[in-house]
Amino acid sequence: MSLFRSEEHVRRWTSRQGYGVGVILDLPRVWGLARAWYADPRSREWRPRSRDENQAVLASVGLTGEFWELPR
């Protein structure tokens, strides 16, 4: 993950580096994903999530579509 000032900054940087632009997320969305994705593994209730549960976490913060589709 890289942080940038704006979408225009992302596009300039990726163009100079010869990269394509993937997905651009704002910090509130990244924070929402981090909070939803990372549970406390020290908790007695913690267990690894299934692929479908992980997909549901992505969808719960609005990350849907082909880019966000986890492999089966």
C-alpha atoms as a PDB file:
ATOM      1  CA  MET A   1       0.000   0.000   0.000  1.00  0.00           C
ATOM      2  CA  SER A   2       1.196   3.484  -0.832  1.00  0.00           C
ATOM      3  CA  LEU A   3      -0.227   6.775   0.403  1.00  0.00           C
ATOM      4  CA  PHE A   4      -0.700   9.764  -1.893  1.00  0.00           C
ATOM      5  CA  ARG A   5      -2.070  13.296  -1.587  1.00  0.00           C
ATOM      6  CA  SER A   6      -4.671  12.918  -4.327  1.00  0.00           C
ATOM      7  CA  GLU A   7      -5.825  10.740  -7.214  1.00  0.00           C
ATOM      8  CA  GLU A   8      -3.941  13.043  -9.566  1.00  0.00           C
ATOM      9  CA  HIS A   9      -0.765  12.402  -7.561  1.00  0.00           C
ATOM     10  CA  VAL A  10      -1.389   8.634  -7.865  1.00  0.00           C
ATOM     11  CA  ARG A  11      -1.752   8.909 -11.626  1.00  0.00           C
ATOM     12  CA  ARG A  12       1.419  10.996 -12.028  1.00  0.00           C
ATOM     13  CA  TRP A  13       3.458   8.638  -9.849  1.00  0.00           C
ATOM     14  CA  THR A  14       2.233   5.438 -11.527  1.00  0.00           C
ATOM     15  CA  SER A  15       2.804   6.947 -14.957  1.00  0.00           C
ATOM     16  CA  ARG A  16       6.399   7.885 -14.073  1.00  0.00           C
ATOM     17  CA  GLN A  17       7.042   4.428 -12.600  1.00  0.00           C
ATOM     18  CA  GLY A  18       5.445   2.590 -15.524  1.00  0.00           C
ATOM     19  CA  TYR A  19       2.734   1.020 -13.336  1.00  0.00           C
ATOM     20  CA  GLY A  20      -0.970   0.750 -13.959  1.00  0.00           C
ATOM     21  CA  VAL A  21      -3.394   2.247 -11.458  1.00  0.00           C
ATOM     22  CA  GLY A  22      -5.027  -0.468  -9.370  1.00  0.00           C
ATOM     23  CA  VAL A  23      -7.688   0.603  -6.903  1.00  0.00           C
ATOM     24  CA  ILE A  24      -7.620   3.932  -5.122  1.00  0.00           C
ATOM     25  CA  LEU A  25      -9.131   4.019  -1.631  1.00  0.00           C
ATOM     26  CA  ASP A  26      -9.488   6.939   0.730  1.00  0.00           C
ATOM     27  CA  LEU A  27      -8.166   6.621   4.288  1.00  0.00           C
ATOM     28  CA  PRO A  28     -11.594   6.193   5.942  1.00  0.00           C
ATOM     29  CA  ARG A  29     -12.242   3.175   3.691  1.00  0.00           C
ATOM     30  CA  VAL A  30      -8.798   1.700   4.442  1.00  0.00           C
ATOM     31  CA  TRP A  31      -9.384   2.215   8.168  1.00  0.00           C
ATOM     32  CA  GLY A  32     -12.809   0.577   7.926  1.00  0.00           C
ATOM     33  CA  LEU A  33     -11.274  -2.421   6.168  1.00  0.00           C
ATOM     34  CA  ALA A  34      -8.482  -2.707   8.747  1.00  0.00           C
ATOM     35  CA  ARG A  35     -10.961  -2.628  11.626  1.00  0.00           C
ATOM     36  CA  ALA A  36     -13.182  -5.245   9.983  1.00  0.00           C
ATOM     37  CA  TRP A  37     -10.354  -7.489   8.759  1.00  0.00           C
ATOM     38  CA  TYR A  38      -8.027  -7.690  11.747  1.00  0.00           C
ATOM     39  CA  ALA A  39      -9.570  -9.342  14.767  1.00  0.00           C
ATOM     40  CA  ASP A  40      -7.704  -9.894  17.994  1.00  0.00           C
ATOM     41  CA  PRO A  41      -6.132 -13.364  17.665  1.00  0.00           C
ATOM     42  CA  ARG A  42      -5.648 -13.410  21.449  1.00  0.00           C
ATOM     43  CA  SER A  43      -9.397 -13.493  21.957  1.00  0.00           C
ATOM     44  CA  ARG A  44     -10.880 -16.842  23.020  1.00  0.00           C
ATOM     45  CA  GLU A  45     -13.477 -16.464  20.245  1.00  0.00           C
ATOM     46  CA  TRP A  46     -10.890 -15.938  17.502  1.00  0.00           C
ATOM     47  CA  ARG A  47     -10.666 -18.471  14.688  1.00  0.00           C
ATOM     48  CA  PRO A  48      -9.476 -18.194  11.108  1.00  0.00           C
ATOM     49  CA  ARG A  49     -12.206 -17.047   8.736  1.00  0.00           C
ATOM     50  CA  SER A  50     -13.259 -19.017   5.696  1.00  0.00           C
ATOM     51  CA  ARG A  51     -12.885 -17.610   2.189  1.00  0.00           C
ATOM     52  CA  ASP A  52     -16.596 -16.740   2.124  1.00  0.00           C
ATOM     53  CA  GLU A  53     -16.363 -15.005   5.504  1.00  0.00           C
ATOM     54  CA  ASN A  54     -13.395 -12.981   4.240  1.00  0.00           C
ATOM     55  CA  GLN A  55     -15.365 -12.078   1.118  1.00  0.00           C
ATOM     56  CA  ALA A  56     -18.213 -10.897   3.340  1.00  0.00           C
ATOM     57  CA  VAL A  57     -15.801  -8.673   5.290  1.00  0.00           C
ATOM     58  CA  LEU A  58     -14.715  -6.997   2.039  1.00  0.00           C
ATOM     59  CA  ALA A  59     -18.331  -6.518   0.979  1.00  0.00           C
ATOM     60  CA  SER A  60     -19.251  -5.106   4.412  1.00  0.00           C
ATOM     61  CA  VAL A  61     -16.995  -2.111   3.775  1.00  0.00           C
ATOM     62  CA  GLY A  62     -18.157  -1.692   0.175  1.00  0.00           C
ATOM     63  CA  LEU A  63     -15.242  -3.455  -1.560  1.00  0.00           C
ATOM     64  CA  THR A  64     -16.968  -5.446  -4.271  1.00  0.00           C
ATOM     65  CA  GLY A  65     -16.352  -6.269  -7.895  1.00  0.00           C
ATOM     66  CA  GLU A  66     -13.788  -8.271  -9.813  1.00  0.00           C
ATOM     67  CA  PHE A  67     -10.743  -6.649  -8.175  1.00  0.00           C
ATOM     68  CA  TRP A  68     -11.944  -7.660  -4.711  1.00  0.00           C
ATOM     69  CA  GLU A  69     -13.024 -11.207  -5.586  1.00  0.00           C
ATOM     70  CA  LEU A  70     -10.975 -13.688  -3.538  1.00  0.00           C
ATOM     71  CA  PRO A  71      -9.807 -16.892  -5.245  1.00  0.00           C
ATOM     72  CA  ARG A  72     -11.840 -20.049  -4.691  1.00  0.00           C
END
